[in-house]
PDB file of N, CA and C in Angstrom:
ATOM      1  N   MET A   1     168.491  48.626-138.111  1.00  0.00           N
ATOM      2  CA  MET A   1     168.367  49.967-137.577  1.00  0.00           C
ATOM      3  C   MET A   1     169.342  50.127-136.429  1.00  0.00           C
ATOM      4  N   LEU A   2     169.837  51.314-136.328  1.00  0.00           N
ATOM      5  CA  LEU A   2     170.803  51.608-135.280  1.00  0.00           C
ATOM      6  C   LEU A   2     170.477  52.988-134.726  1.00  0.00           C
ATOM      7  N   LYS A   3     170.492  53.101-133.422  1.00  0.00           N
ATOM      8  CA  LYS A   3     170.290  54.400-132.789  1.00  0.00           C
ATOM      9  C   LYS A   3     171.366  54.601-131.745  1.00  0.00           C
ATOM     10  N   PHE A   4     171.957  55.785-131.784  1.00  0.00           N
ATOM     11  CA  PHE A   4     172.968  56.145-130.803  1.00  0.00           C
ATOM     12  C   PHE A   4     172.321  56.870-129.630  1.00  0.00           C
ATOM     13  N   LYS A   5     172.873  56.686-128.462  1.00  0.00           N
ATOM     14  CA  LYS A   5     172.356  57.344-127.258  1.00  0.00           C
ATOM     15  C   LYS A   5     172.422  58.860-127.363  1.00  0.00           C
ATOM     16  N   ASP A   6     173.406  59.372-128.096  1.00  0.00           N
ATOM     17  CA  ASP A   6     173.558  60.823-128.209  1.00  0.00           C
ATOM     18  C   ASP A   6     172.806  61.415-129.403  1.00  0.00           C
ATOM     19  N   GLY A   7     171.988  60.612-130.074  1.00  0.00           N
ATOM     20  CA  GLY A   7     171.165  61.107-131.167  1.00  0.00           C
ATOM     21  C   GLY A   7     171.944  61.620-132.363  1.00  0.00           C
ATOM     22  N   ARG A   8     172.978  60.932-132.778  1.00  0.00           N
ATOM     23  CA  ARG A   8     173.837  61.382-133.881  1.00  0.00           C
ATOM     24  C   ARG A   8     173.049  61.592-135.170  1.00  0.00           C
ATOM     25  N   ASP A   9     173.459  62.612-135.906  1.00  0.00           N
ATOM     26  CA  ASP A   9     172.838  62.864-137.200  1.00  0.00           C
ATOM     27  C   ASP A   9     173.520  62.007-138.270  1.00  0.00           C
ATOM     28  N   GLU A  10     172.999  62.097-139.496  1.00  0.00           N
ATOM     29  CA  GLU A  10     173.507  61.267-140.585  1.00  0.00           C
ATOM     30  C   GLU A  10     175.007  61.437-140.797  1.00  0.00           C
ATOM     31  N   GLY A  11     175.484  62.661-140.778  1.00  0.00           N
ATOM     32  CA  GLY A  11     176.907  62.907-140.989  1.00  0.00           C
ATOM     33  C   GLY A  11     177.773  62.238-139.937  1.00  0.00           C
ATOM     34  N   ALA A  12     177.350  62.307-138.689  1.00  0.00           N
ATOM     35  CA  ALA A  12     178.119  61.690-137.604  1.00  0.00           C
ATOM     36  C   ALA A  12     178.093  60.168-137.710  1.00  0.00           C
ATOM     37  N   VAL A  13     176.959  59.609-138.137  1.00  0.00           N
ATOM     38  CA  VAL A  13     176.882  58.150-138.296  1.00  0.00           C
ATOM     39  C   VAL A  13     177.779  57.718-139.451  1.00  0.00           C
ATOM     40  N   ARG A  14     177.721  58.456-140.556  1.00  0.00           N
ATOM     41  CA  ARG A  14     178.599  58.125-141.692  1.00  0.00           C
ATOM     42  C   ARG A  14     180.070  58.190-141.284  1.00  0.00           C
ATOM     43  N   ALA A  15     180.416  59.158-140.459  1.00  0.00           N
ATOM     44  CA  ALA A  15     181.787  59.287-139.980  1.00  0.00           C
ATOM     45  C   ALA A  15     182.178  58.126-139.063  1.00  0.00           C
ATOM     46  N   SER A  16     181.195  57.463-138.479  1.00  0.00           N
ATOM     47  CA  SER A  16     181.430  56.339-137.561  1.00  0.00           C
ATOM     48  C   SER A  16     181.426  54.989-138.261  1.00  0.00           C
ATOM     49  N   LEU A  17     181.157  54.953-139.573  1.00  0.00           N
ATOM     50  CA  LEU A  17     180.979  53.675-140.266  1.00  0.00           C
ATOM     51  C   LEU A  17     182.188  52.748-140.169  1.00  0.00           C
ATOM     52  N   ALA A  18     183.384  53.276-140.275  1.00  0.00           N
ATOM     53  CA  ALA A  18     184.571  52.412-140.200  1.00  0.00           C
ATOM     54  C   ALA A  18     184.653  51.734-138.839  1.00  0.00           C
ATOM     55  N   ARG A  19     184.405  52.487-137.776  1.00  0.00           N
ATOM     56  CA  ARG A  19     184.443  51.916-136.421  1.00  0.00           C
ATOM     57  C   ARG A  19     183.311  50.910-136.229  1.00  0.00           C
ATOM     58  N   LEU A  20     182.113  51.242-136.720  1.00  0.00           N
ATOM     59  CA  LEU A  20     180.974  50.329-136.599  1.00  0.00           C
ATOM     60  C   LEU A  20     181.230  49.039-137.369  1.00  0.00           C
ATOM     61  N   SER A  21     181.777  49.169-138.578  1.00  0.00           N
ATOM     62  CA  SER A  21     182.085  47.988-139.383  1.00  0.00           C
ATOM     63  C   SER A  21     183.127  47.109-138.701  1.00  0.00           C
ATOM     64  N   GLN A  22     184.125  47.744-138.106  1.00  0.00           N
ATOM     65  CA  GLN A  22     185.153  46.982-137.398  1.00  0.00           C
ATOM     66  C   GLN A  22     184.532  46.228-136.220  1.00  0.00           C
ATOM     67  N   ALA A  23     183.684  46.898-135.465  1.00  0.00           N
ATOM     68  CA  ALA A  23     183.036  46.248-134.320  1.00  0.00           C
ATOM     69  C   ALA A  23     182.129  45.104-134.771  1.00  0.00           C
ATOM     70  N   ALA A  24     181.426  45.316-135.881  1.00  0.00           N
ATOM     71  CA  ALA A  24     180.489  44.310-136.380  1.00  0.00           C
ATOM     72  C   ALA A  24     181.194  43.147-137.063  1.00  0.00           C
ATOM     73  N   GLY A  25     182.405  43.391-137.543  1.00  0.00           N
ATOM     74  CA  GLY A  25     183.107  42.344-138.277  1.00  0.00           C
ATOM     75  C   GLY A  25     182.603  42.201-139.705  1.00  0.00           C
ATOM     76  N   LEU A  26     181.791  43.151-140.158  1.00  0.00           N
ATOM     77  CA  LEU A  26     181.239  43.171-141.513  1.00  0.00           C
ATOM     78  C   LEU A  26     181.256  44.610-142.006  1.00  0.00           C
ATOM     79  N   GLU A  27     181.407  44.795-143.311  1.00  0.00           N
ATOM     80  CA  GLU A  27     181.396  46.151-143.855  1.00  0.00           C
ATOM     81  C   GLU A  27     179.958  46.658-143.936  1.00  0.00           C
ATOM     82  N   LEU A  28     179.673  47.716-143.212  1.00  0.00           N
ATOM     83  CA  LEU A  28     178.342  48.302-143.180  1.00  0.00           C
ATOM     84  C   LEU A  28     178.265  49.485-144.140  1.00  0.00           C
ATOM     85  N   VAL A  29     177.090  49.680-144.729  1.00  0.00           N
ATOM     86  CA  VAL A  29     176.847  50.782-145.652  1.00  0.00           C
ATOM     87  C   VAL A  29     175.668  51.584-145.120  1.00  0.00           C
ATOM     88  N   TYR A  30     175.801  52.903-145.112  1.00  0.00           N
ATOM     89  CA  TYR A  30     174.717  53.765-144.651  1.00  0.00           C
ATOM     90  C   TYR A  30     173.636  53.827-145.731  1.00  0.00           C
ATOM     91  N   LEU A  31     172.365  53.608-145.331  1.00  0.00           N
ATOM     92  CA  LEU A  31     171.264  53.680-146.287  1.00  0.00           C
ATOM     93  C   LEU A  31     170.446  54.958-146.140  1.00  0.00           C
ATOM     94  N   ARG A  32     169.909  55.181-144.926  1.00  0.00           N
ATOM     95  CA  ARG A  32     169.034  56.344-144.757  1.00  0.00           C
ATOM     96  C   ARG A  32     168.751  56.596-143.287  1.00  0.00           C
ATOM     97  N   PRO A  33     168.375  57.839-142.979  1.00  0.00           N
ATOM     98  CA  PRO A  33     167.918  58.137-141.620  1.00  0.00           C
ATOM     99  C   PRO A  33     166.461  57.698-141.472  1.00  0.00           C
ATOM    100  N   MET A  34     166.050  57.484-140.247  1.00  0.00           N
ATOM    101  CA  MET A  34     164.655  57.142-139.943  1.00  0.00           C
ATOM    102  C   MET A  34     164.132  58.117-138.898  1.00  0.00           C
ATOM    103  N   ALA A  35     162.866  58.029-138.621  1.00  0.00           N
ATOM    104  CA  ALA A  35     162.266  58.842-137.566  1.00  0.00           C
ATOM    105  C   ALA A  35     162.882  58.452-136.227  1.00  0.00           C
ATOM    106  N   GLY A  36     162.847  59.367-135.292  1.00  0.00           N
ATOM    107  CA  GLY A  36     163.337  59.073-133.954  1.00  0.00           C
ATOM    108  C   GLY A  36     164.843  58.985-133.845  1.00  0.00           C
ATOM    109  N   GLN A  37     165.559  59.593-134.783  1.00  0.00           N
ATOM    110  CA  GLN A  37     167.020  59.627-134.775  1.00  0.00           C
ATOM    111  C   GLN A  37     167.664  58.247-134.948  1.00  0.00           C
ATOM    112  N   ALA A  38     166.950  57.315-135.542  1.00  0.00           N
ATOM    113  CA  ALA A  38     167.519  56.018-135.877  1.00  0.00           C
ATOM    114  C   ALA A  38     168.042  56.071-137.307  1.00  0.00           C
ATOM    115  N   HIS A  39     168.894  55.118-137.662  1.00  0.00           N
ATOM    116  CA  HIS A  39     169.507  55.080-138.991  1.00  0.00           C
ATOM    117  C   HIS A  39     169.490  53.646-139.492  1.00  0.00           C
ATOM    118  N   VAL A  40     169.328  53.489-140.805  1.00  0.00           N
ATOM    119  CA  VAL A  40     169.346  52.168-141.424  1.00  0.00           C
ATOM    120  C   VAL A  40     170.706  51.960-142.065  1.00  0.00           C
ATOM    121  N   LEU A  41     171.346  50.877-141.684  1.00  0.00           N
ATOM    122  CA  LEU A  41     172.623  50.464-142.258  1.00  0.00           C
ATOM    123  C   LEU A  41     172.406  49.129-142.960  1.00  0.00           C
ATOM    124  N   ARG A  42     173.186  48.876-143.992  1.00  0.00           N
ATOM    125  CA  ARG A  42     173.045  47.623-144.726  1.00  0.00           C
ATOM    126  C   ARG A  42     174.245  46.724-144.465  1.00  0.00           C
ATOM    127  N   PHE A  43     173.949  45.436-144.277  1.00  0.00           N
ATOM    128  CA  PHE A  43     174.984  44.418-144.176  1.00  0.00           C
ATOM    129  C   PHE A  43     175.322  43.940-145.585  1.00  0.00           C
ATOM    130  N   PRO A  44     176.493  43.342-145.781  1.00  0.00           N
ATOM    131  CA  PRO A  44     176.825  42.788-147.097  1.00  0.00           C
ATOM    132  C   PRO A  44     175.822  41.707-147.498  1.00  0.00           C
ATOM    133  N   ALA A  45     175.507  41.642-148.787  1.00  0.00           N
ATOM    134  CA  ALA A  45     174.544  40.646-149.281  1.00  0.00           C
ATOM    135  C   ALA A  45     174.997  39.225-148.979  1.00  0.00           C
ATOM    136  N   ALA A  46     176.290  39.007-148.922  1.00  0.00           N
ATOM    137  CA  ALA A  46     176.824  37.661-148.696  1.00  0.00           C
ATOM    138  C   ALA A  46     176.834  37.257-147.221  1.00  0.00           C
ATOM    139  N   ALA A  47     176.434  38.155-146.331  1.00  0.00           N
ATOM    140  CA  ALA A  47     176.455  37.836-144.897  1.00  0.00           C
ATOM    141  C   ALA A  47     175.402  36.779-144.579  1.00  0.00           C
ATOM    142  N   THR A  48     175.791  35.807-143.796  1.00  0.00           N
ATOM    143  CA  THR A  48     174.857  34.764-143.385  1.00  0.00           C
ATOM    144  C   THR A  48     174.003  35.270-142.216  1.00  0.00           C
ATOM    145  N   PRO A  49     172.864  34.630-141.970  1.00  0.00           N
ATOM    146  CA  PRO A  49     172.061  35.033-140.810  1.00  0.00           C
ATOM    147  C   PRO A  49     172.851  34.974-139.500  1.00  0.00           C
ATOM    148  N   ALA A  50     173.718  33.992-139.359  1.00  0.00           N
ATOM    149  CA  ALA A  50     174.528  33.883-138.142  1.00  0.00           C
ATOM    150  C   ALA A  50     175.497  35.060-138.030  1.00  0.00           C
ATOM    151  N   GLN A  51     176.090  35.471-139.145  1.00  0.00           N
ATOM    152  CA  GLN A  51     177.003  36.623-139.130  1.00  0.00           C
ATOM    153  C   GLN A  51     176.256  37.908-138.777  1.00  0.00           C
ATOM    154  N   VAL A  52     175.054  38.054-139.299  1.00  0.00           N
ATOM    155  CA  VAL A  52     174.251  39.241-139.005  1.00  0.00           C
ATOM    156  C   VAL A  52     173.890  39.280-137.525  1.00  0.00           C
ATOM    157  N   GLU A  53     173.471  38.167-136.977  1.00  0.00           N
ATOM    158  CA  GLU A  53     173.126  38.110-135.545  1.00  0.00           C
ATOM    159  C   GLU A  53     174.338  38.440-134.681  1.00  0.00           C
ATOM    160  N   GLU A  54     175.477  37.900-135.035  1.00  0.00           N
ATOM    161  CA  GLU A  54     176.706  38.179-134.276  1.00  0.00           C
ATOM    162  C   GLU A  54     177.068  39.665-134.382  1.00  0.00           C
ATOM    163  N   ALA A  55     176.921  40.234-135.574  1.00  0.00           N
ATOM    164  CA  ALA A  55     177.226  41.650-135.781  1.00  0.00           C
ATOM    165  C   ALA A  55     176.277  42.525-134.968  1.00  0.00           C
ATOM    166  N   LEU A  56     174.997  42.180-134.941  1.00  0.00           N
ATOM    167  CA  LEU A  56     174.036  42.951-134.154  1.00  0.00           C
ATOM    168  C   LEU A  56     174.383  42.914-132.667  1.00  0.00           C
ATOM    169  N   ARG A  57     174.765  41.752-132.173  1.00  0.00           N
ATOM    170  CA  ARG A  57     175.175  41.640-130.759  1.00  0.00           C
ATOM    171  C   ARG A  57     176.389  42.518-130.481  1.00  0.00           C
ATOM    172  N   ALA A  58     177.338  42.522-131.408  1.00  0.00           N
ATOM    173  CA  ALA A  58     178.550  43.340-131.229  1.00  0.00           C
ATOM    174  C   ALA A  58     178.201  44.829-131.234  1.00  0.00           C
ATOM    175  N   LEU A  59     177.309  45.242-132.122  1.00  0.00           N
ATOM    176  CA  LEU A  59     176.905  46.649-132.172  1.00  0.00           C
ATOM    177  C   LEU A  59     176.137  47.044-130.919  1.00  0.00           C
ATOM    178  N   GLN A  60     175.267  46.165-130.442  1.00  0.00           N
ATOM    179  CA  GLN A  60     174.494  46.438-129.225  1.00  0.00           C
ATOM    180  C   GLN A  60     175.401  46.583-128.013  1.00  0.00           C
ATOM    181  N   ALA A  61     176.546  45.948-128.054  1.00  0.00           N
ATOM    182  CA  ALA A  61     177.479  45.991-126.924  1.00  0.00           C
ATOM    183  C   ALA A  61     178.279  47.290-126.865  1.00  0.00           C
ATOM    184  N   LEU A  62     178.267  48.074-127.936  1.00  0.00           N
ATOM    185  CA  LEU A  62     179.004  49.341-127.928  1.00  0.00           C
ATOM    186  C   LEU A  62     178.336  50.306-126.946  1.00  0.00           C
ATOM    187  N   PRO A  63     179.110  50.970-126.117  1.00  0.00           N
ATOM    188  CA  PRO A  63     178.516  51.820-125.078  1.00  0.00           C
ATOM    189  C   PRO A  63     177.707  52.996-125.627  1.00  0.00           C
ATOM    190  N   GLU A  64     178.017  53.452-126.839  1.00  0.00           N
ATOM    191  CA  GLU A  64     177.301  54.598-127.395  1.00  0.00           C
ATOM    192  C   GLU A  64     176.013  54.231-128.138  1.00  0.00           C
ATOM    193  N   VAL A  65     175.758  52.932-128.306  1.00  0.00           N
ATOM    194  CA  VAL A  65     174.596  52.472-129.066  1.00  0.00           C
ATOM    195  C   VAL A  65     173.416  52.232-128.128  1.00  0.00           C
ATOM    196  N   GLU A  66     172.288  52.859-128.465  1.00  0.00           N
ATOM    197  CA  GLU A  66     171.055  52.640-127.699  1.00  0.00           C
ATOM    198  C   GLU A  66     170.423  51.319-128.104  1.00  0.00           C
ATOM    199  N   TYR A  67     170.329  51.088-129.428  1.00  0.00           N
ATOM    200  CA  TYR A  67     169.864  49.786-129.904  1.00  0.00           C
ATOM    201  C   TYR A  67     170.343  49.537-131.322  1.00  0.00           C
ATOM    202  N   ALA A  68     170.412  48.259-131.663  1.00  0.00           N
ATOM    203  CA  ALA A  68     170.741  47.800-133.012  1.00  0.00           C
ATOM    204  C   ALA A  68     169.850  46.593-133.270  1.00  0.00           C
ATOM    205  N   GLU A  69     169.058  46.679-134.310  1.00  0.00           N
ATOM    206  CA  GLU A  69     168.129  45.588-134.618  1.00  0.00           C
ATOM    207  C   GLU A  69     167.881  45.536-136.110  1.00  0.00           C
ATOM    208  N   LEU A  70     167.340  44.410-136.571  1.00  0.00           N
ATOM    209  CA  LEU A  70     167.018  44.271-137.990  1.00  0.00           C
ATOM    210  C   LEU A  70     165.861  45.191-138.344  1.00  0.00           C
ATOM    211  N   ASP A  71     165.918  45.756-139.521  1.00  0.00           N
ATOM    212  CA  ASP A  71     164.832  46.572-140.056  1.00  0.00           C
ATOM    213  C   ASP A  71     164.007  45.660-140.949  1.00  0.00           C
ATOM    214  N   GLN A  72     162.901  45.174-140.415  1.00  0.00           N
ATOM    215  CA  GLN A  72     162.078  44.223-141.148  1.00  0.00           C
ATOM    216  C   GLN A  72     160.654  44.734-141.269  1.00  0.00           C
ATOM    217  N   ARG A  73     160.023  44.361-142.355  1.00  0.00           N
ATOM    218  CA  ARG A  73     158.601  44.679-142.509  1.00  0.00           C
ATOM    219  C   ARG A  73     157.795  43.746-141.631  1.00  0.00           C
ATOM    220  N   VAL A  74     156.788  44.312-141.018  1.00  0.00           N
ATOM    221  CA  VAL A  74     155.889  43.526-140.199  1.00  0.00           C
ATOM    222  C   VAL A  74     154.564  43.448-140.932  1.00  0.00           C
ATOM    223  N   THR A  75     154.105  42.233-141.174  1.00  0.00           N
ATOM    224  CA  THR A  75     152.812  42.049-141.821  1.00  0.00           C
ATOM    225  C   THR A  75     151.851  41.415-140.850  1.00  0.00           C
ATOM    226  N   ARG A  76     150.629  41.801-140.968  1.00  0.00           N
ATOM    227  CA  ARG A  76     149.594  41.234-140.105  1.00  0.00           C
ATOM    228  C   ARG A  76     148.641  40.418-140.953  1.00  0.00           C
ATOM    229  N   PRO A  77     148.169  39.314-140.422  1.00  0.00           N
ATOM    230  CA  PRO A  77     147.251  38.454-141.206  1.00  0.00           C
ATOM    231  C   PRO A  77     145.933  39.143-141.512  1.00  0.00           C
TER     232      PRO A  77
END
């Protein structure tokens, strides 16, 4: 999940994909918008966990990004 500080809509995020991919060092694909002006992007299937973590750190470091984190299901026992 990725959220921009300026609350970008889907079109603006899609327009930013090349820059985001360059910053992440991986080709990102737009999947869908989420509640709260967040967006789900997909990493390449071949990306290793270490590459994903490094990409998330790089995205979080961008001044326009409020947060970048994995979109994971949370299960409770």
